[in-house]
């Protein structure tokens, strides 16, 4: 779930910048920032948790849609 904030420049150009939300408050063992090309299953394996645990800890709607810069709570 990526929030986006429109950024408007006075020279009549506009861009949309994605601002990663903070991970949910709660018992996070650590916070992982997703790098380009990483998958939820790879991140889960790295930390010794299941994809289901990551999905639940982060309230993810679509476990296939993680993006670079997203911060994930590792339970």
Protein backbone atom coordinates (compact mmCIF):
# COMPACT_ATOMS: atom_id res chain seq x y z
CA UNK A 1 0.00 0.00 0.00
CA UNK A 2 1.89 3.02 -1.19
CA UNK A 3 0.74 6.50 -0.39
CA UNK A 4 1.36 9.05 -3.06
CA UNK A 5 1.74 12.75 -2.63
CA UNK A 6 1.46 15.06 -5.63
CA UNK A 7 4.37 17.44 -5.94
CA UNK A 8 3.65 20.60 -7.94
CA UNK A 9 6.40 22.79 -9.32
CA UNK A 10 5.86 26.42 -10.27
CA UNK A 11 7.24 25.85 -13.76
CA UNK A 12 3.98 24.00 -14.60
CA UNK A 13 5.40 20.53 -14.26
CA UNK A 14 4.00 18.00 -11.85
CA UNK A 15 5.16 14.66 -10.59
CA UNK A 16 3.81 12.04 -8.26
CA UNK A 17 6.17 10.99 -5.52
CA UNK A 18 5.60 7.80 -3.57
CA UNK A 19 6.07 8.24 0.14
CA UNK A 20 6.51 4.93 1.97
CA UNK A 21 4.30 4.76 5.04
CA UNK A 22 5.74 3.81 8.38
CA UNK A 23 5.22 0.17 9.33
CA UNK A 24 2.35 -0.44 11.74
CA UNK A 25 3.04 0.12 15.41
CA UNK A 26 3.45 -3.10 17.31
CA UNK A 27 5.96 -5.76 18.20
CA UNK A 28 8.50 -5.44 15.39
CA UNK A 29 11.71 -7.32 15.88
CA UNK A 30 13.20 -5.07 13.21
CA UNK A 31 12.18 -2.89 10.27
CA UNK A 32 13.30 -3.87 6.76
CA UNK A 33 13.42 -1.41 3.86
CA UNK A 34 12.60 -3.21 0.62
CA UNK A 35 15.28 -2.96 -2.09
CA UNK A 36 14.60 -3.06 -5.82
CA UNK A 37 14.00 -6.65 -6.95
CA UNK A 38 13.25 -8.08 -3.50
CA UNK A 39 10.19 -10.26 -2.96
CA UNK A 40 8.16 -10.87 0.15
CA UNK A 41 9.13 -14.55 0.11
CA UNK A 42 12.82 -13.66 -0.09
CA UNK A 43 12.50 -11.20 2.77
CA UNK A 44 10.57 -13.76 4.85
CA UNK A 45 13.29 -16.39 4.23
CA UNK A 46 16.03 -13.91 5.17
CA UNK A 47 14.46 -13.24 8.57
CA UNK A 48 13.16 -16.75 9.27
CA UNK A 49 9.46 -15.85 9.21
CA UNK A 50 6.63 -16.86 6.89
CA UNK A 51 5.08 -14.73 4.18
CA UNK A 52 1.79 -15.01 6.10
CA UNK A 53 3.46 -13.52 9.18
CA UNK A 54 4.82 -10.59 7.14
CA UNK A 55 1.43 -9.99 5.51
CA UNK A 56 -0.32 -9.98 8.91
CA UNK A 57 2.31 -7.81 10.64
CA UNK A 58 2.13 -5.19 7.90
CA UNK A 59 -1.55 -5.31 6.95
CA UNK A 60 -0.66 -5.97 3.31
CA UNK A 61 -3.57 -6.28 0.88
CA UNK A 62 -1.49 -7.84 -1.90
CA UNK A 63 1.63 -9.81 -0.93
CA UNK A 64 2.85 -9.61 -4.54
CA UNK A 65 2.96 -5.82 -4.51
CA UNK A 66 5.92 -4.70 -2.44
CA UNK A 67 8.05 -1.89 -3.80
CA UNK A 68 11.53 -0.46 -3.31
CA UNK A 69 11.63 1.89 -0.35
CA UNK A 70 8.68 0.28 1.42
CA UNK A 71 9.33 -0.30 5.11
CA UNK A 72 8.19 -3.62 6.54
CA UNK A 73 7.77 -4.67 10.15
CA UNK A 74 9.56 -7.98 10.75
CA UNK A 75 7.73 -9.81 13.58
